[in-house]
Protein backbone atom coordinates (compact mmCIF):
# COMPACT_ATOMS: atom_id res chain seq x y z
CA MET A 1 8.97 58.17 -0.32
CA LYS A 2 6.70 56.14 -2.57
CA LYS A 3 9.31 53.34 -2.45
CA LEU A 4 9.48 53.50 1.36
CA LEU A 5 5.70 53.20 1.63
CA LEU A 6 5.66 50.27 -0.73
CA ALA A 7 8.41 48.55 1.15
CA THR A 8 6.58 49.13 4.52
CA LEU A 9 3.42 47.77 2.98
CA LEU A 10 5.15 44.69 1.70
CA LEU A 11 6.76 44.13 5.02
CA GLY A 12 3.42 44.38 6.72
CA MET A 13 1.90 41.85 4.40
CA PHE A 14 4.85 39.57 5.03
CA LEU A 15 4.48 39.78 8.77
CA THR A 16 0.74 39.30 8.56
CA SER A 17 1.26 36.18 6.47
CA GLN A 18 3.84 34.86 8.97
CA ALA A 19 1.37 35.40 11.93
CA ARG A 20 -1.19 33.23 10.15
CA HIS A 21 0.65 30.12 11.19
CA GLY A 22 0.13 28.28 14.56
CA TYR A 23 -1.84 29.78 17.45
CA LYS A 24 -1.62 31.58 20.79
CA ILE A 25 -4.34 30.76 23.30
CA GLU A 26 -4.33 32.46 26.66
CA ILE A 27 -6.38 30.72 29.35
CA SER A 28 -7.70 32.44 32.43
CA PHE A 29 -9.65 30.44 35.08
CA LYS A 30 -11.80 32.38 37.50
CA GLN A 31 -11.42 29.67 40.04
CA ASP A 32 -8.21 27.82 41.10
CA ILE A 33 -7.63 24.52 39.35
CA PRO A 34 -5.51 21.59 40.68
CA ASP A 35 -3.58 20.99 37.50
CA THR A 36 0.15 21.31 36.87
CA PHE A 37 -0.64 21.17 33.16
CA VAL A 38 -3.75 21.62 31.06
CA TYR A 39 -4.06 19.97 27.59
CA LEU A 40 -5.20 20.99 24.15
CA ALA A 41 -7.03 18.26 22.27
CA HIS A 42 -9.18 17.93 19.09
CA TYR A 43 -11.86 15.77 17.75
CA PHE A 44 -11.07 13.40 14.90
CA ALA A 45 -14.19 12.34 13.07
CA LYS A 46 -15.77 10.72 16.17
CA SER A 47 -17.69 12.24 19.17
CA LEU A 48 -16.52 11.86 22.75
CA PRO A 49 -14.61 10.06 24.27
CA THR A 50 -12.52 9.84 21.13
CA ILE A 51 -10.22 12.80 21.18
CA TYR A 52 -6.48 13.36 20.57
CA LYS A 53 -4.19 15.52 22.60
CA THR A 54 -1.98 17.78 20.62
CA ASP A 55 -0.47 20.17 23.15
CA SER A 56 0.14 21.04 26.80
CA ALA A 57 0.59 24.24 28.77
CA LYS A 58 1.90 24.73 32.35
CA VAL A 59 -0.52 26.22 34.75
CA ILE A 60 0.69 29.39 36.50
CA ASN A 61 -0.63 30.25 39.99
CA LYS A 62 -3.51 27.76 39.48
CA ARG A 63 -5.27 30.22 37.29
CA THR A 64 -3.56 30.83 33.95
CA ALA A 65 -2.01 28.91 31.08
CA VAL A 66 -0.75 29.71 27.48
CA PHE A 67 -0.79 27.47 24.51
CA ASN A 68 1.68 28.74 21.91
CA SER A 69 2.78 27.22 18.58
CA LYS A 70 4.30 28.59 15.50
CA ASP A 71 3.69 25.62 13.36
CA SER A 72 0.79 25.47 10.99
CA VAL A 73 -2.15 23.71 12.42
CA LEU A 74 -5.30 22.17 10.93
CA GLY A 75 -8.26 24.01 12.35
CA GLY A 76 -11.37 22.38 13.83
CA ILE A 77 -13.19 21.99 17.08
CA TYR A 78 -10.61 21.81 19.82
CA LEU A 79 -10.89 21.23 23.59
CA VAL A 80 -9.01 22.32 26.69
CA LEU A 81 -8.84 19.56 29.27
CA PHE A 82 -8.42 20.56 32.93
CA LYS A 83 -9.18 19.21 36.41
CA ASN A 84 -7.08 16.19 35.65
CA ASN A 85 -8.85 15.75 32.32
CA SER A 86 -12.30 15.45 34.07
CA ARG A 87 -13.58 18.77 32.69
CA TYR A 88 -13.27 20.49 29.29
CA ILE A 89 -14.23 23.38 27.17
CA GLU A 90 -14.87 23.32 23.43
CA PHE A 91 -14.00 26.09 20.98
CA VAL A 92 -13.16 26.67 17.35
CA LEU A 93 -9.48 27.03 16.40
CA ASN A 94 -8.30 28.14 13.07
CA ASN A 95 -4.65 28.25 11.91
CA GLY A 96 -3.20 31.58 12.96
CA ASP A 97 -5.70 32.32 15.70
CA GLN A 98 -4.63 34.42 18.72
CA MET A 99 -7.20 34.63 21.43
CA SER A 100 -7.83 34.65 25.12
CA ILE A 101 -10.37 32.67 26.97
CA ASP A 102 -11.80 33.47 30.39
CA ILE A 103 -13.42 30.47 32.12
CA ASP A 104 -15.86 30.35 35.07
CA THR A 105 -15.86 26.66 35.81
CA THR A 106 -19.17 26.89 37.72
CA ASN A 107 -21.28 27.70 34.69
CA LEU A 108 -20.14 26.16 31.45
CA PRO A 109 -20.45 26.76 28.61
CA ALA A 110 -22.37 30.04 29.04
CA SER A 111 -19.72 31.61 31.27
CA MET A 112 -16.88 31.43 28.76
CA THR A 113 -15.84 34.72 27.25
CA PHE A 114 -13.43 35.20 24.32
CA LYS A 115 -11.33 38.02 23.09
CA ASN A 116 -10.21 38.42 19.47
CA SER A 117 -12.53 35.53 18.46
CA PRO A 118 -16.05 36.58 17.38
CA GLU A 119 -16.59 33.13 16.04
CA ASN A 120 -16.16 31.54 19.37
CA THR A 121 -18.48 34.17 21.08
CA ARG A 122 -21.06 32.89 18.63
CA TYR A 123 -20.16 29.30 19.49
CA VAL A 124 -20.74 29.87 23.12
CA SER A 125 -24.26 31.17 22.27
CA TYR A 126 -24.86 27.95 20.17
CA GLY A 127 -23.66 25.91 23.03
CA THR A 128 -26.14 27.55 25.42
CA TYR A 129 -28.91 27.06 22.87
CA LEU A 130 -27.97 23.38 22.49
CA LEU A 131 -27.96 22.93 26.29
CA GLU A 132 -31.57 24.30 26.52
CA PHE A 133 -32.54 22.06 23.55
CA GLY A 134 -31.25 18.99 25.41
CA LYS A 135 -33.19 19.99 28.60
CA LEU A 136 -36.31 20.24 26.54
CA GLN A 137 -35.79 16.88 24.97
CA GLN A 138 -35.21 15.30 28.36
CA GLN A 139 -38.41 16.96 29.67
CA LEU A 140 -40.36 15.76 26.75
CA ASN A 141 -38.99 12.21 27.25
CA GLU A 142 -40.21 12.27 30.78
CA GLU A 143 -43.70 13.53 29.69
CA LEU A 144 -43.84 10.79 27.15
CA LYS A 145 -43.35 8.15 29.87
CA SER A 146 -46.38 9.50 31.73
CA ALA A 147 -48.68 10.01 28.66
CA LYS A 148 -52.16 8.86 29.23
CA ASN A 149 -53.10 8.15 25.81
CA ALA A 150 -52.08 8.11 22.17
CA ALA A 151 -53.23 11.72 21.59
CA ASP A 152 -51.03 12.88 24.38
CA SER A 153 -48.00 10.98 23.13
CA GLN A 154 -48.55 12.42 19.62
CA ALA A 155 -48.74 15.95 20.99
CA ILE A 156 -45.42 15.45 22.90
CA ARG A 157 -43.72 14.02 19.86
CA GLU A 158 -44.90 16.93 17.75
CA LYS A 159 -43.35 19.36 20.36
CA GLY A 160 -40.03 17.45 20.07
CA ALA A 161 -40.29 17.61 16.19
CA GLU A 162 -40.94 21.36 16.34
CA ALA A 163 -37.90 21.83 18.50
CA GLY A 164 -35.68 19.86 16.14
CA LYS A 165 -36.99 22.01 13.23
CA LYS A 166 -36.04 25.23 15.21
CA LEU A 167 -32.54 23.68 15.92
CA ASN A 168 -32.04 23.05 12.15
CA ALA A 169 -33.32 26.49 11.31
CA TYR A 170 -30.79 27.92 13.76
CA ARG A 171 -27.95 26.17 12.09
CA ARG A 172 -29.09 27.04 8.52
CA ASP A 173 -29.53 30.68 9.40
CA TYR A 174 -26.06 30.78 10.93
CA ALA A 175 -24.46 29.08 7.98
CA GLN A 176 -26.04 31.51 5.60
CA THR A 177 -25.22 34.62 7.77
CA TYR A 178 -21.58 33.65 8.41
CA LYS A 179 -20.93 31.76 5.23
CA GLY A 180 -17.18 30.80 4.78
CA THR A 181 -16.51 30.46 8.55
CA TYR A 182 -15.56 27.10 9.97
CA LEU A 183 -18.73 26.83 12.13
CA ALA A 184 -20.80 27.50 9.13
CA SER A 185 -19.05 24.58 7.37
CA VAL A 186 -19.85 22.36 10.43
CA PHE A 187 -23.43 23.35 10.46
CA ASP A 188 -23.86 22.55 6.78
CA ALA A 189 -22.11 19.16 7.37
CA LEU A 190 -24.69 18.48 10.15
CA GLU A 191 -27.63 19.09 7.94
CA VAL A 192 -29.66 16.17 6.78
CA PRO A 193 -32.02 16.27 3.72
CA GLN A 194 -35.60 17.36 4.36
CA VAL A 195 -37.74 15.09 2.32
CA PRO A 196 -40.51 17.20 0.48
CA GLU A 197 -43.94 16.69 1.96
CA GLY A 198 -46.97 15.49 0.06
CA PRO A 199 -47.70 12.30 -1.97
CA HIS A 200 -45.11 11.37 -4.57
CA TYR A 201 -45.91 9.25 -7.55
CA LEU A 202 -44.09 6.98 -9.89
CA PRO A 203 -43.26 8.83 -13.16
CA GLY A 204 -46.23 8.85 -15.51
CA THR A 205 -48.65 7.07 -13.12
CA ASN A 206 -51.00 7.60 -10.25
CA THR A 207 -49.17 4.99 -8.20
CA ILE A 208 -47.59 6.27 -4.90
CA ASP A 209 -43.79 5.86 -5.00
CA SER A 210 -43.12 4.11 -1.77
CA ASN A 211 -39.36 4.45 -2.16
CA PHE A 212 -39.39 8.22 -2.77
CA ALA A 213 -38.45 9.22 0.80
CA TYR A 214 -35.49 6.80 0.89
CA GLU A 215 -34.26 7.69 -2.59
CA TYR A 216 -34.56 11.42 -1.98
CA TYR A 217 -32.84 11.22 1.43
CA LYS A 218 -29.90 9.15 0.04
CA ALA A 219 -29.47 11.18 -3.09
CA HIS A 220 -29.18 14.43 -1.13
CA TYR A 221 -27.34 12.98 1.83
CA TRP A 222 -23.92 14.66 1.10
CA ASP A 223 -25.28 17.91 -0.46
CA LYS A 224 -24.19 20.26 2.21
CA PHE A 225 -20.94 18.46 3.27
CA ASP A 226 -17.89 20.42 1.96
CA PHE A 227 -15.47 17.73 0.94
CA SER A 228 -12.78 20.42 0.26
CA ASP A 229 -12.68 21.47 3.91
CA ASN A 230 -9.99 19.24 5.60
CA ARG A 231 -10.97 20.89 8.97
CA LEU A 232 -14.15 18.92 9.13
CA ILE A 233 -12.15 15.88 10.13
CA ASN A 234 -11.45 17.71 13.38
CA SER A 235 -15.09 17.64 14.37
CA PRO A 236 -17.26 14.91 15.83
CA ILE A 237 -19.37 14.40 12.63
CA TYR A 238 -17.80 12.38 9.85
CA ASP A 239 -17.66 8.92 11.33
CA ALA A 240 -21.31 8.86 12.17
CA ARG A 241 -22.25 10.15 8.82
CA LEU A 242 -20.28 7.47 7.03
CA ASP A 243 -21.88 4.81 9.26
CA GLU A 244 -25.42 5.92 8.50
CA TYR A 245 -24.80 6.15 4.80
CA PHE A 246 -22.92 3.00 4.16
CA ASN A 247 -24.63 0.71 6.75
CA ARG A 248 -28.17 2.04 6.51
CA LEU A 249 -28.77 3.68 3.21
CA VAL A 250 -26.48 1.88 0.69
CA LEU A 251 -27.85 -1.48 -0.40
CA PRO A 252 -25.47 -4.26 1.01
CA LEU A 253 -24.60 -5.71 -2.33
CA PRO A 254 -20.79 -5.93 -3.19
CA ASP A 255 -21.18 -4.11 -6.58
CA THR A 256 -23.29 -1.31 -5.11
CA MET A 257 -20.88 -0.85 -2.16
CA LYS A 258 -17.79 -0.73 -4.35
CA ALA A 259 -19.42 1.86 -6.69
CA GLU A 260 -20.49 3.98 -3.70
CA ALA A 261 -17.10 3.72 -2.06
CA ASP A 262 -15.37 4.82 -5.30
CA TRP A 263 -17.76 7.71 -5.63
CA LEU A 264 -17.09 9.08 -2.17
CA LEU A 265 -13.40 8.52 -2.37
CA ALA A 266 -13.36 10.62 -5.55
CA LYS A 267 -15.29 13.34 -3.73
CA SER A 268 -12.97 13.23 -0.70
CA ARG A 269 -9.70 13.44 -2.63
CA LYS A 270 -10.13 17.27 -2.46
CA ALA A 271 -9.01 17.08 1.19
CA SER A 272 -6.19 14.71 2.06
CA GLU A 273 -7.30 14.22 5.67
CA LEU A 274 -10.95 13.40 4.75
CA PHE A 275 -9.66 11.02 1.93
CA LYS A 276 -7.39 9.22 4.38
CA TYR A 277 -10.16 8.67 6.94
CA THR A 278 -12.67 7.71 4.27
CA LEU A 279 -10.41 4.99 2.79
CA HIS A 280 -9.42 3.72 6.26
CA TRP A 281 -13.08 3.61 7.36
CA LEU A 282 -14.36 1.91 4.23
CA ALA A 283 -11.64 -0.86 4.37
CA ARG A 284 -12.29 -1.45 8.12
CA ASN A 285 -16.02 -1.48 7.64
CA ALA A 286 -15.90 -3.94 4.67
CA GLU A 287 -13.31 -6.31 6.47
CA GLY A 288 -15.40 -6.37 9.74
CA SER A 289 -18.84 -6.62 8.11
CA LYS A 290 -21.06 -9.63 8.97
CA VAL A 291 -22.91 -9.10 5.68
CA MET A 292 -22.06 -11.84 3.13
CA GLY A 293 -19.96 -10.59 0.20
CA MET A 294 -18.47 -7.44 1.94
CA ASP A 295 -15.01 -9.09 1.90
CA GLU A 296 -15.17 -8.52 -1.89
CA VAL A 297 -15.39 -4.81 -1.23
CA PHE A 298 -12.36 -5.00 1.04
CA VAL A 299 -10.30 -6.71 -1.75
CA HIS A 300 -11.52 -4.13 -4.15
CA LEU A 301 -10.35 -1.20 -1.95
CA VAL A 302 -6.98 -2.83 -1.24
CA GLU A 303 -6.32 -3.48 -4.91
CA LYS A 304 -7.49 -0.23 -6.24
CA TYR A 305 -6.14 2.19 -3.57
CA TYR A 306 -3.80 0.53 -1.04
CA MET A 307 -1.81 -1.29 -3.66
CA LYS A 308 -1.72 1.73 -6.06
CA GLY A 309 -0.08 4.09 -3.56
CA ASP A 310 -3.10 5.99 -2.26
CA ALA A 311 -2.62 5.00 1.34
CA PHE A 312 0.12 7.54 1.63
CA TRP A 313 0.08 7.56 5.44
CA LEU A 314 1.04 3.84 5.76
CA ASP A 315 4.60 2.53 5.82
CA SER A 316 5.60 -0.57 3.85
CA ALA A 317 5.00 -2.98 6.74
CA ALA A 318 1.47 -1.79 7.32
CA LEU A 319 0.73 -1.88 3.59
CA ALA A 320 2.04 -5.45 3.48
CA LYS A 321 -0.52 -6.45 6.04
CA TYR A 322 -3.44 -5.01 3.91
CA GLU A 323 -2.03 -6.73 0.84
CA ASP A 324 -1.58 -10.04 2.59
CA ARG A 325 -5.05 -10.01 4.03
CA ALA A 326 -6.62 -9.18 0.54
CA LYS A 327 -4.67 -12.03 -1.06
CA LYS A 328 -6.01 -14.50 1.46
CA ILE A 329 -9.55 -13.29 0.86
CA ALA A 330 -9.43 -12.81 -2.98
CA PRO A 331 -9.58 -16.59 -3.94
CA ASN A 332 -12.80 -17.11 -2.04
CA VAL A 333 -14.98 -14.13 -2.71
CA LEU A 334 -18.52 -14.63 -3.97
CA GLY A 335 -18.65 -15.60 -7.61
CA ASN A 336 -15.23 -17.30 -7.84
CA ILE A 337 -14.84 -21.02 -8.48
CA ALA A 338 -14.02 -22.67 -5.14
CA PRO A 339 -10.35 -23.88 -5.03
CA ASP A 340 -10.25 -27.63 -5.16
CA LEU A 341 -9.22 -29.58 -2.01
CA VAL A 342 -7.85 -33.15 -2.30
CA MET A 343 -8.73 -34.37 1.16
CA GLN A 344 -8.81 -37.88 2.61
CA ASP A 345 -11.84 -39.62 3.88
CA VAL A 346 -11.58 -40.01 7.73
CA TYR A 347 -12.74 -43.60 7.51
CA THR A 348 -11.37 -45.11 4.33
CA LEU A 349 -8.31 -42.76 4.14
CA LYS A 350 -8.85 -42.56 0.36
CA ASP A 351 -8.64 -39.27 -1.49
CA ARG A 352 -12.05 -37.50 -1.77
CA PRO A 353 -11.56 -34.32 -3.76
CA LEU A 354 -14.08 -31.50 -3.30
CA SER A 355 -14.40 -31.53 -7.10
CA SER A 356 -15.65 -35.15 -6.93
CA ILE A 357 -18.87 -34.05 -5.24
CA SER A 358 -21.63 -34.00 -7.93
CA SER A 359 -24.76 -32.33 -6.68
CA PRO A 360 -26.76 -29.09 -7.26
CA TYR A 361 -25.27 -27.58 -4.10
CA THR A 362 -22.32 -28.41 -1.87
CA LEU A 363 -22.01 -27.14 1.73
CA LEU A 364 -18.23 -26.89 2.54
CA VAL A 365 -18.08 -27.00 6.30
CA PHE A 366 -14.80 -26.41 8.24
CA TRP A 367 -15.08 -27.56 11.81
CA ALA A 368 -13.14 -29.11 14.69
CA GLU A 369 -14.25 -31.61 17.30
CA ASP A 370 -12.84 -29.53 20.17
CA CYS A 371 -14.47 -26.17 19.11
CA SER A 372 -17.45 -25.45 21.38
CA HIS A 373 -19.20 -23.30 18.87
CA CYS A 374 -18.85 -26.04 16.19
CA VAL A 375 -20.33 -28.63 18.55
CA LYS A 376 -23.42 -26.41 18.93
CA GLU A 377 -23.65 -25.34 15.28
CA VAL A 378 -23.03 -28.67 13.55
CA PRO A 379 -26.10 -30.50 15.06
CA LEU A 380 -28.33 -27.54 14.13
CA LEU A 381 -26.92 -27.55 10.57
CA ASP A 382 -27.55 -31.26 10.30
CA SER A 383 -31.16 -30.76 11.48
CA VAL A 384 -31.76 -28.26 8.73
CA TYR A 385 -30.04 -30.47 6.25
CA LYS A 386 -32.32 -33.40 7.13
CA ALA A 387 -35.45 -31.26 7.16
CA ASN A 388 -35.14 -29.60 3.78
CA LEU A 389 -31.61 -29.01 2.37
CA LYS A 390 -31.10 -32.61 1.41
CA ASP A 391 -34.27 -32.65 -0.67
CA ARG A 392 -32.97 -29.51 -2.36
CA GLY A 393 -29.90 -31.31 -3.67
CA VAL A 394 -27.40 -30.22 -0.95
CA THR A 395 -24.43 -32.41 -0.14
CA ILE A 396 -22.23 -31.71 2.86
CA TYR A 397 -18.41 -31.90 2.43
CA ALA A 398 -17.14 -31.51 6.06
CA VAL A 399 -13.45 -30.75 6.71
CA ALA A 400 -12.09 -31.67 10.16
CA THR A 401 -9.53 -28.98 10.82
CA LYS A 402 -7.92 -30.31 13.89
CA GLY A 403 -5.07 -32.81 13.50
CA GLY A 404 -4.37 -35.64 15.87
CA ASP A 405 -5.83 -39.09 16.41
CA LEU A 406 -8.52 -40.19 14.00
CA SER A 407 -10.33 -42.05 16.63
CA ASP A 408 -11.28 -38.69 18.32
CA LYS A 409 -12.93 -37.56 15.02
CA HIS A 410 -14.71 -40.78 14.70
CA LYS A 411 -16.16 -40.55 18.15
CA MET A 412 -17.34 -37.00 17.66
CA ILE A 413 -18.78 -37.83 14.13
CA GLU A 414 -20.69 -40.82 15.60
CA LYS A 415 -21.74 -38.84 18.72
CA LEU A 416 -23.36 -36.20 16.49
CA ASN A 417 -24.70 -38.72 14.00
CA LEU A 418 -22.84 -37.22 11.05
CA LYS A 419 -21.69 -40.37 9.23
CA HIS A 420 -24.02 -39.48 6.34
CA TRP A 421 -21.81 -36.37 5.53
CA THR A 422 -18.74 -36.66 3.48
CA ASN A 423 -16.17 -36.38 6.31
CA VAL A 424 -12.64 -35.59 5.33
CA MET A 425 -9.33 -34.04 6.56
CA ASP A 426 -5.99 -32.96 5.18
CA MET A 427 -3.95 -35.97 6.42
CA ASN A 428 -0.90 -35.12 4.26
CA ASN A 429 -1.04 -31.36 4.98
CA THR A 430 -0.86 -30.48 1.21
CA THR A 431 -4.10 -28.55 0.49
CA ASP A 432 -3.30 -25.10 2.10
CA TYR A 433 -7.03 -24.87 2.88
CA LYS A 434 -6.62 -22.36 5.69
CA SER A 435 -5.14 -19.83 3.21
CA LYS A 436 -7.37 -20.73 0.35
CA TYR A 437 -10.58 -20.42 2.49
CA ASP A 438 -9.50 -18.00 5.11
CA VAL A 439 -10.07 -20.71 7.93
CA TYR A 440 -8.54 -19.06 10.89
CA SER A 441 -11.51 -19.71 13.13
CA THR A 442 -14.24 -22.37 13.02
CA PRO A 443 -16.93 -23.14 12.05
CA LYS A 444 -16.77 -21.61 8.53
CA ILE A 445 -19.38 -22.55 6.06
CA TYR A 446 -19.43 -22.06 2.29
CA LEU A 447 -22.19 -22.77 -0.19
CA LEU A 448 -21.20 -23.87 -3.70
CA ASP A 449 -23.41 -24.40 -6.74
CA ALA A 450 -23.23 -27.30 -9.21
CA ASN A 451 -20.17 -25.83 -10.87
CA LYS A 452 -18.44 -25.18 -7.57
CA LYS A 453 -18.96 -21.52 -7.83
CA ILE A 454 -19.04 -19.78 -4.44
CA ILE A 455 -22.61 -18.49 -3.88
CA GLY A 456 -22.50 -18.04 -0.05
CA LYS A 457 -20.00 -17.75 2.65
CA GLY A 458 -19.81 -16.98 6.30
CA LEU A 459 -23.17 -18.90 6.72
CA ASP A 460 -24.81 -20.72 9.57
CA HIS A 461 -27.68 -23.16 9.82
CA GLY A 462 -30.30 -20.36 9.82
CA ASN A 463 -29.60 -18.70 6.62
CA ILE A 464 -28.47 -21.37 4.03
CA GLY A 465 -31.99 -22.01 2.81
CA GLU A 466 -32.46 -18.14 2.24
CA VAL A 467 -29.29 -17.99 0.16
CA ILE A 468 -30.51 -20.94 -1.97
CA ASP A 469 -33.89 -19.20 -2.35
CA TRP A 470 -32.23 -15.93 -3.37
CA VAL A 471 -29.90 -17.74 -5.92
CA GLU A 472 -32.76 -19.70 -7.55
CA LYS A 473 -35.06 -16.61 -7.72
CA LYS A 474 -32.17 -14.71 -9.38
CA ASN A 475 -31.62 -17.61 -11.88
CA ARG A 476 -35.30 -17.69 -12.76
CA LYS A 477 -35.32 -14.00 -13.30
CA ASN A 478 -32.31 -14.21 -15.69
CA GLN A 479 -33.69 -17.01 -17.75
């Protein structure tokens, strides 16, 4: 008998473990819907409209549908799309869930009812609370527009701040009460640091620490984010948090960015989906950044992660594109010695190497006479050059990137009064300047120091002087 009971118990445990894979979601609509199929979708790091369809279910008698899968699924916040994808409901789905959802389309989200899913019953309550919070914020915004004086405006802002505190308290209380649930993990991930009130002083002094709020907020920014919970990728949270941290809180310096990227990637390794998105986001953000020097961060990420096999989701062709891009950027990152260019003077046709320019600073300018942006930028650059850059020891080495008749270049150079520049071009097509300097659009401007070290790139007429100021200030500090 004992053996029979043990066998029955083990069988029950086995069946229970098998039932934990996949999902079964029975949908009942109170009103007829026009769809032949409804769709199951999920968030992926971003908010609407960025969602991904993952399943479909046929609608029976315009009222019911069943999503059913036996495959393991990564949980998260999912959506059911209906009325030709124009309407949706949100709910929490965990691997192994079996639930039913009754939907009254006239009063969402409050009208949704769930069976076999207490977490989603609580989620409906939160959705109703959030709806009321949104209405209050809209009301306060309208009141702010008609405020008669500063005191009225301040009072309205205080009401909004108090409502925000109550919302944060709601989430914190929930996360504590239902610790371990998915929604608790989401609410923790949403929490932002609350900077302690009161004056804060520099250590051992009576001087106010003006950076305290920033440093505290940044230091505690990720405290409540569970980097071991892969399911957080299936929520509309992570992308915005990455953007705020790296583009608003981290200092936009290559070494700082690289260190912060390595730190966050190390934390996110605990969950493969979070790691995957983190690496992809960081590389894309660095490559597309307008901040000078961020291409160095991109090269770092490719060399340390993509080329070492960490981008496990990419095939060889996709990896090759990253590697090729990094190799094109690597020779011209800040701090490198500029690759020499043996170009020909457009008037004398004699060799005029970049290395032959002897001056405290060299502006390396790639431009074309038929480039509309160049024709606007180049005269502005020359005006700044004449006004103050020339007196600061700047020489301009201008590369005409368009081939063809030299007379066209002469006409444009003379039209724009640029004969005092060093005007050259690659007449023999031997320098490979496009690859060496990543010149796939024009104008492109580099600033080199006396040793031809790259100290600025991606510049325009408005920021060259600032870069020289910053470099000279740094040099004085290091003396």
